[in-house]
N, C-alpha and C. Protein backbone atom coordinates (compact mmCIF):
# COMPACT_ATOMS: atom_id res chain seq x y z
N MET A 1 144.48 -23.95 72.24
CA MET A 1 144.91 -23.74 70.86
C MET A 1 143.94 -24.42 69.90
N SER A 2 143.38 -23.66 68.94
CA SER A 2 142.39 -24.23 68.04
C SER A 2 143.07 -25.05 66.94
N ALA A 3 142.33 -26.06 66.47
CA ALA A 3 142.86 -26.93 65.42
C ALA A 3 142.91 -26.16 64.11
N SER A 4 143.82 -26.58 63.22
CA SER A 4 143.96 -25.94 61.92
C SER A 4 142.70 -26.20 61.09
N PRO A 5 142.20 -25.17 60.38
CA PRO A 5 141.00 -25.37 59.55
C PRO A 5 141.30 -26.13 58.26
N TYR A 6 142.57 -26.36 57.97
CA TYR A 6 142.96 -26.98 56.70
C TYR A 6 143.16 -28.48 56.84
N THR A 7 143.09 -29.17 55.70
CA THR A 7 143.48 -30.58 55.69
C THR A 7 144.99 -30.65 55.89
N GLU A 8 145.49 -31.81 56.18
CA GLU A 8 146.93 -31.97 56.45
C GLU A 8 147.79 -31.56 55.25
N SER A 9 147.39 -31.96 54.04
CA SER A 9 148.20 -31.65 52.85
C SER A 9 148.15 -30.16 52.51
N ILE A 10 147.00 -29.52 52.71
CA ILE A 10 146.90 -28.08 52.44
C ILE A 10 147.75 -27.31 53.46
N GLY A 11 147.63 -27.70 54.72
CA GLY A 11 148.44 -27.06 55.77
C GLY A 11 149.93 -27.20 55.50
N ARG A 12 150.33 -28.37 55.01
CA ARG A 12 151.75 -28.61 54.70
C ARG A 12 152.22 -27.72 53.56
N LEU A 13 151.39 -27.59 52.50
CA LEU A 13 151.76 -26.75 51.37
C LEU A 13 151.88 -25.28 51.80
N ILE A 14 150.95 -24.81 52.60
CA ILE A 14 151.00 -23.43 53.10
C ILE A 14 152.28 -23.22 53.90
N ASP A 15 152.61 -24.17 54.77
CA ASP A 15 153.84 -24.08 55.57
C ASP A 15 155.08 -24.01 54.69
N GLU A 16 155.11 -24.83 53.64
CA GLU A 16 156.28 -24.86 52.73
C GLU A 16 156.40 -23.54 51.96
N LEU A 17 155.26 -23.02 51.50
CA LEU A 17 155.28 -21.77 50.74
C LEU A 17 155.74 -20.58 51.59
N THR A 18 155.42 -20.59 52.88
CA THR A 18 155.84 -19.47 53.74
C THR A 18 157.35 -19.46 53.97
N LYS A 19 158.04 -20.54 53.59
CA LYS A 19 159.51 -20.57 53.71
C LYS A 19 160.17 -19.76 52.59
N LEU A 20 159.40 -19.42 51.55
CA LEU A 20 159.94 -18.63 50.45
C LEU A 20 160.05 -17.17 50.86
N PRO A 21 161.08 -16.46 50.36
CA PRO A 21 161.23 -15.05 50.75
C PRO A 21 160.06 -14.20 50.26
N GLY A 22 159.56 -13.33 51.13
CA GLY A 22 158.48 -12.42 50.76
C GLY A 22 157.09 -13.05 50.75
N ILE A 23 156.99 -14.32 51.16
CA ILE A 23 155.69 -15.00 51.18
C ILE A 23 155.25 -15.17 52.62
N GLY A 24 154.22 -14.40 53.00
CA GLY A 24 153.63 -14.55 54.33
C GLY A 24 152.53 -15.59 54.29
N GLU A 25 151.87 -15.79 55.42
CA GLU A 25 150.85 -16.84 55.50
C GLU A 25 149.66 -16.55 54.57
N LYS A 26 149.23 -15.28 54.50
CA LYS A 26 148.08 -14.94 53.65
C LYS A 26 148.39 -15.20 52.17
N THR A 27 149.59 -14.79 51.73
CA THR A 27 149.98 -15.03 50.34
C THR A 27 150.09 -16.53 50.08
N ALA A 28 150.64 -17.26 51.04
CA ALA A 28 150.78 -18.73 50.90
C ALA A 28 149.40 -19.37 50.77
N GLN A 29 148.42 -18.87 51.53
CA GLN A 29 147.06 -19.40 51.41
C GLN A 29 146.49 -19.12 50.03
N ARG A 30 146.67 -17.87 49.53
CA ARG A 30 146.16 -17.52 48.19
C ARG A 30 146.78 -18.41 47.12
N LEU A 31 148.10 -18.61 47.21
CA LEU A 31 148.79 -19.46 46.23
C LEU A 31 148.29 -20.90 46.30
N THR A 32 148.09 -21.39 47.51
CA THR A 32 147.62 -22.76 47.69
C THR A 32 146.25 -22.95 47.04
N PHE A 33 145.34 -22.01 47.31
CA PHE A 33 143.99 -22.16 46.73
C PHE A 33 143.99 -21.92 45.23
N PHE A 34 144.91 -21.10 44.73
CA PHE A 34 145.07 -20.93 43.28
C PHE A 34 145.50 -22.26 42.66
N LEU A 35 146.49 -22.92 43.31
CA LEU A 35 146.99 -24.20 42.79
C LEU A 35 145.92 -25.30 42.87
N LEU A 36 145.06 -25.25 43.88
CA LEU A 36 143.98 -26.23 43.99
C LEU A 36 143.00 -26.11 42.81
N LYS A 37 142.77 -24.88 42.35
CA LYS A 37 141.84 -24.65 41.24
C LYS A 37 142.50 -24.88 39.88
N ALA A 38 143.81 -24.80 39.83
CA ALA A 38 144.54 -24.93 38.55
C ALA A 38 144.42 -26.35 38.00
N PRO A 39 144.53 -26.50 36.68
CA PRO A 39 144.52 -27.85 36.08
C PRO A 39 145.67 -28.69 36.64
N GLU A 40 145.43 -29.95 36.83
CA GLU A 40 146.44 -30.85 37.41
C GLU A 40 147.74 -30.83 36.61
N GLU A 41 147.61 -30.73 35.27
CA GLU A 41 148.80 -30.72 34.41
C GLU A 41 149.69 -29.51 34.69
N ASP A 42 149.08 -28.35 34.94
CA ASP A 42 149.84 -27.13 35.25
C ASP A 42 150.60 -27.28 36.56
N VAL A 43 149.94 -27.88 37.55
CA VAL A 43 150.58 -28.07 38.85
C VAL A 43 151.75 -29.06 38.73
N LYS A 44 151.55 -30.09 37.93
CA LYS A 44 152.64 -31.07 37.73
C LYS A 44 153.82 -30.43 37.01
N GLU A 45 153.52 -29.54 36.03
CA GLU A 45 154.60 -28.84 35.32
C GLU A 45 155.40 -27.96 36.27
N LEU A 46 154.70 -27.28 37.20
CA LEU A 46 155.37 -26.46 38.20
C LEU A 46 156.27 -27.32 39.09
N ALA A 47 155.73 -28.44 39.55
CA ALA A 47 156.50 -29.35 40.41
C ALA A 47 157.73 -29.88 39.66
N ASN A 48 157.55 -30.24 38.39
CA ASN A 48 158.67 -30.75 37.58
C ASN A 48 159.72 -29.67 37.35
N ALA A 49 159.27 -28.42 37.14
CA ALA A 49 160.22 -27.32 36.93
C ALA A 49 161.06 -27.09 38.18
N LEU A 50 160.44 -27.17 39.35
CA LEU A 50 161.18 -27.02 40.61
C LEU A 50 162.22 -28.13 40.79
N ILE A 51 161.82 -29.35 40.49
CA ILE A 51 162.74 -30.49 40.63
C ILE A 51 163.88 -30.37 39.62
N ALA A 52 163.56 -29.97 38.38
CA ALA A 52 164.58 -29.84 37.34
C ALA A 52 165.63 -28.80 37.71
N VAL A 53 165.19 -27.68 38.29
CA VAL A 53 166.14 -26.63 38.71
C VAL A 53 167.11 -27.19 39.74
N LYS A 54 166.60 -27.92 40.72
CA LYS A 54 167.47 -28.48 41.76
C LYS A 54 168.40 -29.57 41.21
N GLU A 55 167.95 -30.31 40.20
CA GLU A 55 168.75 -31.41 39.66
C GLU A 55 169.79 -30.95 38.65
N HIS A 56 169.47 -29.91 37.86
CA HIS A 56 170.33 -29.56 36.73
C HIS A 56 171.15 -28.29 36.89
N VAL A 57 170.69 -27.35 37.73
CA VAL A 57 171.40 -26.08 37.86
C VAL A 57 172.51 -26.21 38.89
N ARG A 58 173.70 -25.72 38.51
CA ARG A 58 174.87 -25.75 39.41
C ARG A 58 175.59 -24.43 39.30
N TYR A 59 176.68 -24.29 40.02
CA TYR A 59 177.47 -23.07 39.96
C TYR A 59 178.66 -23.28 39.03
N CYS A 60 178.92 -22.27 38.21
CA CYS A 60 180.06 -22.32 37.29
C CYS A 60 181.34 -22.44 38.09
N SER A 61 182.21 -23.37 37.70
CA SER A 61 183.46 -23.60 38.43
C SER A 61 184.46 -22.46 38.22
N VAL A 62 184.21 -21.61 37.23
CA VAL A 62 185.12 -20.49 36.96
C VAL A 62 184.66 -19.23 37.68
N CYS A 63 183.42 -18.80 37.41
CA CYS A 63 182.97 -17.49 37.93
C CYS A 63 181.95 -17.57 39.06
N GLY A 64 181.29 -18.72 39.24
CA GLY A 64 180.29 -18.84 40.29
C GLY A 64 178.88 -18.53 39.85
N ASN A 65 178.69 -18.22 38.55
CA ASN A 65 177.36 -17.95 38.02
C ASN A 65 176.55 -19.25 38.03
N ILE A 66 175.21 -19.14 38.01
CA ILE A 66 174.40 -20.35 37.92
C ILE A 66 174.34 -20.80 36.47
N THR A 67 174.41 -22.11 36.28
CA THR A 67 174.49 -22.65 34.92
C THR A 67 174.03 -24.10 34.90
N GLU A 68 173.70 -24.58 33.71
CA GLU A 68 173.42 -26.01 33.55
C GLU A 68 174.57 -26.69 32.84
N GLN A 69 175.49 -25.89 32.30
CA GLN A 69 176.66 -26.42 31.61
C GLN A 69 177.89 -25.72 32.18
N ASP A 70 178.88 -26.48 32.60
CA ASP A 70 180.07 -25.92 33.24
C ASP A 70 181.26 -25.97 32.28
N PRO A 71 181.97 -24.85 32.04
CA PRO A 71 181.71 -23.51 32.56
C PRO A 71 180.47 -22.89 31.93
N CYS A 72 180.03 -21.77 32.51
CA CYS A 72 178.79 -21.13 32.08
C CYS A 72 178.92 -20.49 30.69
N ARG A 73 177.79 -20.07 30.15
CA ARG A 73 177.73 -19.47 28.81
C ARG A 73 178.65 -18.25 28.69
N ILE A 74 178.70 -17.41 29.73
CA ILE A 74 179.51 -16.19 29.67
C ILE A 74 181.00 -16.54 29.66
N CYS A 75 181.41 -17.46 30.51
CA CYS A 75 182.83 -17.85 30.56
C CYS A 75 183.28 -18.53 29.27
N ARG A 76 182.36 -19.21 28.58
CA ARG A 76 182.70 -19.91 27.34
C ARG A 76 182.71 -18.98 26.13
N ASP A 77 182.11 -17.81 26.24
CA ASP A 77 181.91 -16.92 25.10
C ASP A 77 183.23 -16.21 24.72
N ASP A 78 183.77 -16.55 23.57
CA ASP A 78 185.04 -15.97 23.10
C ASP A 78 184.92 -14.49 22.75
N ARG A 79 183.70 -13.99 22.59
CA ARG A 79 183.51 -12.57 22.26
C ARG A 79 183.61 -11.67 23.49
N ARG A 80 183.59 -12.26 24.69
CA ARG A 80 183.66 -11.44 25.91
C ARG A 80 185.08 -10.91 26.10
N ASN A 81 185.16 -9.72 26.69
CA ASN A 81 186.44 -9.09 26.97
C ASN A 81 187.09 -9.75 28.19
N LYS A 82 188.14 -10.53 27.96
CA LYS A 82 188.79 -11.30 29.04
C LYS A 82 189.66 -10.41 29.94
N GLN A 83 189.84 -9.15 29.54
CA GLN A 83 190.68 -8.23 30.32
C GLN A 83 189.93 -7.59 31.48
N MET A 84 188.60 -7.78 31.54
CA MET A 84 187.79 -7.16 32.60
C MET A 84 187.00 -8.21 33.36
N ILE A 85 187.03 -8.10 34.69
CA ILE A 85 186.21 -8.97 35.54
C ILE A 85 185.37 -8.08 36.46
N CYS A 86 184.06 -8.26 36.39
CA CYS A 86 183.14 -7.51 37.24
C CYS A 86 182.77 -8.40 38.43
N VAL A 87 183.04 -7.93 39.64
CA VAL A 87 182.79 -8.70 40.86
C VAL A 87 181.42 -8.31 41.41
N VAL A 88 180.54 -9.31 41.54
CA VAL A 88 179.19 -9.08 42.08
C VAL A 88 178.96 -9.97 43.29
N GLU A 89 177.92 -9.65 44.04
CA GLU A 89 177.62 -10.42 45.25
C GLU A 89 176.94 -11.75 44.93
N GLU A 90 175.91 -11.71 44.11
CA GLU A 90 175.08 -12.89 43.84
C GLU A 90 174.79 -13.00 42.35
N PRO A 91 174.39 -14.20 41.86
CA PRO A 91 174.08 -14.35 40.44
C PRO A 91 173.01 -13.38 39.93
N ASN A 92 172.02 -13.03 40.75
CA ASN A 92 170.98 -12.11 40.28
C ASN A 92 171.54 -10.72 40.01
N ASP A 93 172.66 -10.34 40.68
CA ASP A 93 173.31 -9.06 40.37
C ASP A 93 173.94 -9.12 38.98
N LEU A 94 174.50 -10.26 38.65
CA LEU A 94 175.08 -10.48 37.31
C LEU A 94 174.00 -10.31 36.25
N PHE A 95 172.81 -10.90 36.49
CA PHE A 95 171.72 -10.79 35.51
C PHE A 95 171.28 -9.35 35.34
N ALA A 96 171.28 -8.57 36.44
CA ALA A 96 170.88 -7.16 36.37
C ALA A 96 171.84 -6.38 35.46
N ILE A 97 173.13 -6.67 35.57
CA ILE A 97 174.13 -5.99 34.72
C ILE A 97 174.01 -6.45 33.28
N GLU A 98 173.79 -7.74 33.07
CA GLU A 98 173.65 -8.28 31.71
C GLU A 98 172.45 -7.66 30.98
N ARG A 99 171.38 -7.36 31.71
CA ARG A 99 170.18 -6.78 31.09
C ARG A 99 170.48 -5.42 30.46
N THR A 100 171.49 -4.72 30.94
CA THR A 100 171.82 -3.40 30.37
C THR A 100 172.45 -3.52 28.99
N ARG A 101 173.06 -4.68 28.68
CA ARG A 101 173.77 -4.93 27.42
C ARG A 101 174.93 -3.95 27.21
N GLU A 102 175.41 -3.36 28.30
CA GLU A 102 176.49 -2.37 28.23
C GLU A 102 177.85 -2.96 28.61
N TYR A 103 177.84 -4.11 29.27
CA TYR A 103 179.09 -4.69 29.78
C TYR A 103 179.41 -5.95 28.99
N SER A 104 180.67 -6.06 28.53
CA SER A 104 181.02 -7.21 27.70
C SER A 104 182.17 -8.03 28.28
N GLY A 105 182.53 -7.77 29.54
CA GLY A 105 183.61 -8.52 30.17
C GLY A 105 183.12 -9.78 30.85
N LEU A 106 183.97 -10.31 31.75
CA LEU A 106 183.64 -11.51 32.51
C LEU A 106 183.14 -11.11 33.90
N TYR A 107 182.73 -12.10 34.68
CA TYR A 107 182.21 -11.86 36.03
C TYR A 107 182.92 -12.75 37.05
N HIS A 108 182.74 -12.35 38.31
CA HIS A 108 183.12 -13.21 39.43
C HIS A 108 182.05 -13.01 40.51
N VAL A 109 181.37 -14.09 40.87
CA VAL A 109 180.30 -14.03 41.87
C VAL A 109 180.86 -14.43 43.23
N LEU A 110 180.75 -13.52 44.19
CA LEU A 110 181.30 -13.77 45.53
C LEU A 110 180.44 -14.72 46.36
N MET A 111 179.16 -14.78 46.06
CA MET A 111 178.19 -15.56 46.85
C MET A 111 178.07 -15.00 48.26
N GLY A 112 177.98 -13.67 48.34
CA GLY A 112 177.78 -13.03 49.64
C GLY A 112 178.69 -11.83 49.81
N THR A 113 178.67 -11.28 51.01
CA THR A 113 179.53 -10.14 51.35
C THR A 113 180.13 -10.37 52.73
N LEU A 114 181.16 -9.61 53.02
CA LEU A 114 181.76 -9.66 54.36
C LEU A 114 180.76 -9.08 55.36
N SER A 115 180.56 -9.78 56.45
CA SER A 115 179.64 -9.31 57.49
C SER A 115 180.10 -9.87 58.83
N PRO A 116 181.06 -9.19 59.47
CA PRO A 116 181.61 -9.68 60.74
C PRO A 116 180.54 -9.94 61.81
N LEU A 117 179.49 -9.12 61.83
CA LEU A 117 178.42 -9.31 62.82
C LEU A 117 177.70 -10.65 62.64
N ASP A 118 177.65 -11.12 61.38
CA ASP A 118 177.02 -12.41 61.09
C ASP A 118 178.05 -13.54 61.03
N GLY A 119 179.30 -13.21 61.34
CA GLY A 119 180.36 -14.23 61.33
C GLY A 119 180.82 -14.61 59.93
N ILE A 120 180.60 -13.73 58.94
CA ILE A 120 181.02 -14.02 57.56
C ILE A 120 182.30 -13.26 57.27
N GLY A 121 183.39 -14.00 57.14
CA GLY A 121 184.70 -13.42 56.85
C GLY A 121 185.14 -13.71 55.43
N PRO A 122 186.36 -13.29 55.06
CA PRO A 122 186.86 -13.49 53.69
C PRO A 122 186.89 -14.95 53.24
N GLU A 123 187.08 -15.86 54.20
CA GLU A 123 187.15 -17.28 53.83
C GLU A 123 185.76 -17.88 53.56
N ASP A 124 184.71 -17.14 53.88
CA ASP A 124 183.35 -17.66 53.71
C ASP A 124 182.72 -17.29 52.37
N ILE A 125 183.36 -16.37 51.64
CA ILE A 125 182.86 -16.02 50.31
C ILE A 125 183.99 -16.29 49.30
N ARG A 126 183.72 -16.13 48.01
CA ARG A 126 184.64 -16.60 46.97
C ARG A 126 185.74 -15.57 46.62
N ILE A 127 186.46 -15.13 47.66
CA ILE A 127 187.56 -14.18 47.45
C ILE A 127 188.82 -14.91 47.01
N GLN A 128 189.12 -16.05 47.63
CA GLN A 128 190.31 -16.82 47.28
C GLN A 128 190.26 -17.25 45.81
N GLU A 129 189.07 -17.65 45.36
CA GLU A 129 188.90 -18.06 43.96
C GLU A 129 189.18 -16.90 43.01
N LEU A 130 188.80 -15.69 43.43
CA LEU A 130 189.08 -14.49 42.61
C LEU A 130 190.58 -14.27 42.51
N LEU A 131 191.28 -14.38 43.62
CA LEU A 131 192.74 -14.20 43.62
C LEU A 131 193.42 -15.20 42.70
N VAL A 132 192.98 -16.44 42.75
CA VAL A 132 193.55 -17.50 41.89
C VAL A 132 193.31 -17.15 40.43
N ARG A 133 192.09 -16.70 40.09
CA ARG A 133 191.77 -16.32 38.70
C ARG A 133 192.67 -15.20 38.22
N LEU A 134 192.86 -14.19 39.07
CA LEU A 134 193.65 -13.03 38.67
C LEU A 134 195.12 -13.38 38.48
N GLN A 135 195.60 -14.37 39.23
CA GLN A 135 196.99 -14.79 39.08
C GLN A 135 197.19 -15.62 37.82
N GLN A 136 196.12 -16.28 37.37
CA GLN A 136 196.23 -17.15 36.20
C GLN A 136 195.87 -16.44 34.90
N ALA A 137 195.11 -15.35 34.98
CA ALA A 137 194.64 -14.65 33.77
C ALA A 137 195.34 -13.31 33.62
N SER A 138 195.30 -12.78 32.40
CA SER A 138 195.89 -11.46 32.16
C SER A 138 194.80 -10.40 32.20
N CYS A 139 194.28 -10.16 33.39
CA CYS A 139 193.19 -9.21 33.59
C CYS A 139 193.76 -7.81 33.81
N GLU A 140 193.15 -6.81 33.18
CA GLU A 140 193.63 -5.43 33.31
C GLU A 140 192.78 -4.60 34.27
N GLU A 141 191.50 -4.97 34.43
CA GLU A 141 190.62 -4.19 35.31
C GLU A 141 189.64 -5.07 36.05
N VAL A 142 189.49 -4.79 37.35
CA VAL A 142 188.48 -5.45 38.17
C VAL A 142 187.47 -4.37 38.57
N ILE A 143 186.21 -4.59 38.18
CA ILE A 143 185.14 -3.66 38.53
C ILE A 143 184.40 -4.24 39.73
N ILE A 144 184.40 -3.52 40.82
CA ILE A 144 183.71 -4.00 42.02
C ILE A 144 182.28 -3.47 42.00
N ALA A 145 181.32 -4.39 41.89
CA ALA A 145 179.91 -4.00 41.77
C ALA A 145 179.08 -4.58 42.91
N THR A 146 179.61 -4.44 44.14
CA THR A 146 178.83 -4.86 45.31
C THR A 146 177.79 -3.79 45.61
N ASN A 147 176.78 -4.14 46.38
CA ASN A 147 175.68 -3.21 46.68
C ASN A 147 176.14 -2.05 47.56
N PRO A 148 175.47 -0.89 47.43
CA PRO A 148 175.88 0.28 48.20
C PRO A 148 175.30 0.29 49.62
N ASN A 149 175.51 -0.81 50.34
CA ASN A 149 175.11 -0.86 51.75
C ASN A 149 176.36 -1.10 52.59
N VAL A 150 176.22 -1.21 53.89
CA VAL A 150 177.38 -1.34 54.78
C VAL A 150 178.24 -2.54 54.41
N GLU A 151 177.60 -3.71 54.20
CA GLU A 151 178.35 -4.92 53.88
C GLU A 151 179.01 -4.82 52.50
N GLY A 152 178.26 -4.27 51.53
CA GLY A 152 178.81 -4.13 50.18
C GLY A 152 179.99 -3.18 50.13
N GLU A 153 179.89 -2.08 50.86
CA GLU A 153 181.00 -1.11 50.91
C GLU A 153 182.22 -1.71 51.61
N ALA A 154 181.97 -2.43 52.70
CA ALA A 154 183.09 -3.06 53.43
C ALA A 154 183.79 -4.09 52.55
N THR A 155 183.01 -4.85 51.80
CA THR A 155 183.58 -5.86 50.91
C THR A 155 184.37 -5.18 49.79
N ALA A 156 183.84 -4.09 49.24
CA ALA A 156 184.52 -3.35 48.17
C ALA A 156 185.86 -2.81 48.66
N MET A 157 185.87 -2.23 49.85
CA MET A 157 187.12 -1.68 50.39
C MET A 157 188.14 -2.78 50.67
N TYR A 158 187.67 -3.90 51.20
CA TYR A 158 188.56 -5.03 51.48
C TYR A 158 189.19 -5.55 50.18
N LEU A 159 188.36 -5.72 49.14
CA LEU A 159 188.86 -6.22 47.86
C LEU A 159 189.85 -5.24 47.23
N ALA A 160 189.54 -3.95 47.29
CA ALA A 160 190.44 -2.94 46.71
C ALA A 160 191.82 -3.00 47.37
N LYS A 161 191.81 -3.10 48.70
CA LYS A 161 193.07 -3.16 49.45
C LYS A 161 193.84 -4.45 49.12
N LEU A 162 193.11 -5.54 48.96
CA LEU A 162 193.72 -6.84 48.69
C LEU A 162 194.29 -6.92 47.27
N LEU A 163 193.60 -6.29 46.30
CA LEU A 163 193.97 -6.43 44.89
C LEU A 163 194.95 -5.37 44.40
N LYS A 164 195.03 -4.24 45.08
CA LYS A 164 195.92 -3.15 44.65
C LYS A 164 197.35 -3.63 44.38
N PRO A 165 197.96 -4.44 45.28
CA PRO A 165 199.35 -4.88 45.05
C PRO A 165 199.55 -5.70 43.77
N LEU A 166 198.46 -6.21 43.17
CA LEU A 166 198.58 -7.03 41.95
C LEU A 166 198.83 -6.16 40.72
N GLY A 167 198.71 -4.84 40.88
CA GLY A 167 198.96 -3.94 39.76
C GLY A 167 197.84 -3.91 38.75
N ILE A 168 196.65 -4.31 39.18
CA ILE A 168 195.48 -4.30 38.30
C ILE A 168 194.65 -3.07 38.62
N LYS A 169 194.06 -2.46 37.59
CA LYS A 169 193.19 -1.31 37.80
C LYS A 169 191.93 -1.77 38.54
N ILE A 170 191.63 -1.11 39.67
CA ILE A 170 190.45 -1.45 40.45
C ILE A 170 189.46 -0.30 40.36
N THR A 171 188.24 -0.56 39.91
CA THR A 171 187.22 0.48 39.83
C THR A 171 185.98 0.04 40.59
N ARG A 172 185.16 1.01 40.95
CA ARG A 172 183.92 0.75 41.68
C ARG A 172 182.79 1.35 40.86
N ILE A 173 181.70 0.62 40.70
CA ILE A 173 180.58 1.18 39.95
C ILE A 173 180.05 2.41 40.69
N ALA A 174 179.60 3.40 39.92
CA ALA A 174 179.04 4.61 40.52
C ALA A 174 177.63 4.31 41.01
N HIS A 175 177.31 4.88 42.15
CA HIS A 175 175.94 4.76 42.69
C HIS A 175 175.38 6.16 42.79
N GLY A 176 174.16 6.34 42.41
CA GLY A 176 173.61 7.69 42.48
C GLY A 176 172.11 7.72 42.51
N ILE A 177 171.57 8.80 42.01
CA ILE A 177 170.12 9.01 42.03
C ILE A 177 169.47 8.18 40.93
N PRO A 178 168.46 7.36 41.28
CA PRO A 178 167.81 6.57 40.23
C PRO A 178 166.99 7.45 39.29
N VAL A 179 166.82 7.00 38.06
CA VAL A 179 166.00 7.74 37.09
C VAL A 179 164.58 7.83 37.65
N GLY A 180 164.04 9.04 37.65
CA GLY A 180 162.70 9.25 38.20
C GLY A 180 162.71 9.59 39.68
N GLY A 181 163.91 9.56 40.31
CA GLY A 181 164.01 9.87 41.73
C GLY A 181 164.16 11.38 41.96
N ASP A 182 163.74 11.83 43.13
CA ASP A 182 163.86 13.24 43.48
C ASP A 182 165.06 13.44 44.39
N LEU A 183 165.84 14.50 44.11
CA LEU A 183 167.04 14.78 44.91
C LEU A 183 166.71 14.97 46.38
N GLU A 184 165.56 15.59 46.67
CA GLU A 184 165.24 15.88 48.07
C GLU A 184 165.06 14.62 48.92
N TYR A 185 164.78 13.49 48.28
CA TYR A 185 164.58 12.25 49.03
C TYR A 185 165.84 11.38 49.10
N ALA A 186 166.90 11.81 48.44
CA ALA A 186 168.14 11.02 48.43
C ALA A 186 168.87 11.17 49.77
N ASP A 187 169.38 10.06 50.28
CA ASP A 187 170.15 10.12 51.52
C ASP A 187 171.56 10.63 51.23
N GLU A 188 172.31 10.91 52.29
CA GLU A 188 173.64 11.52 52.13
C GLU A 188 174.61 10.63 51.34
N ILE A 189 174.57 9.31 51.61
CA ILE A 189 175.50 8.39 50.93
C ILE A 189 175.19 8.36 49.44
N THR A 190 173.90 8.27 49.10
CA THR A 190 173.49 8.23 47.69
C THR A 190 173.91 9.52 46.98
N MET A 191 173.69 10.65 47.64
CA MET A 191 174.05 11.94 47.04
C MET A 191 175.56 12.06 46.85
N THR A 192 176.33 11.59 47.85
CA THR A 192 177.79 11.62 47.74
C THR A 192 178.25 10.76 46.57
N ARG A 193 177.67 9.56 46.45
CA ARG A 193 178.04 8.64 45.36
C ARG A 193 177.67 9.25 44.01
N ALA A 194 176.53 9.92 43.94
CA ALA A 194 176.09 10.54 42.69
C ALA A 194 177.09 11.63 42.26
N LEU A 195 177.57 12.41 43.24
CA LEU A 195 178.54 13.45 42.92
C LEU A 195 179.88 12.84 42.50
N GLU A 196 180.30 11.80 43.22
CA GLU A 196 181.58 11.15 42.91
C GLU A 196 181.54 10.49 41.54
N GLY A 197 180.38 9.96 41.17
CA GLY A 197 180.28 9.24 39.89
C GLY A 197 179.89 10.12 38.73
N ARG A 198 179.96 11.44 38.92
CA ARG A 198 179.56 12.34 37.83
C ARG A 198 180.51 12.20 36.64
N ARG A 199 180.00 12.50 35.45
CA ARG A 199 180.84 12.43 34.26
C ARG A 199 180.56 13.65 33.38
N GLU A 200 181.50 13.92 32.50
CA GLU A 200 181.39 15.09 31.62
C GLU A 200 180.33 14.86 30.57
N LEU A 201 179.57 15.89 30.26
CA LEU A 201 178.52 15.79 29.22
C LEU A 201 179.00 16.45 27.94
């Protein structure tokens, strides 16, 4: 086995960067050498930003969104429609919906999906917290916005079955053909969802 061509500190940084999602060894090497050439002040700012995120960012005690102030900005906002709760898998899904500026209700972040094969059951994600919220609040509609994959669909069906007895309207976001997509390349599930989610023009 040949020795590493890098110094110990460079090798360590490359190893740490490869732990990030989507970063292979080649990309980690490029980033490392980019950082070596960068001004020291820029590298220190990056390091400080990483530390600050870990020290100051937490999860909202109400909805599970990431925040620096608890409860989060959305939960504190009196202009939001308190009658609607949109259930998402992760905080980044919440941000994707917020970017549309079309939704004005509240959120509930599950922090995952049901996945029996991976040993993730209802007690491993924030379903109990959702039930407690719904019992304490006067919510009229729960929008289930989990991803259109096997785990997301299983989670959506489980939630619908669990919440139906509460007498709350349960809806599922429509999934369909993306803008710019061709029908011939759509799979059967996407095409079915597109037809189911059709609306009158």
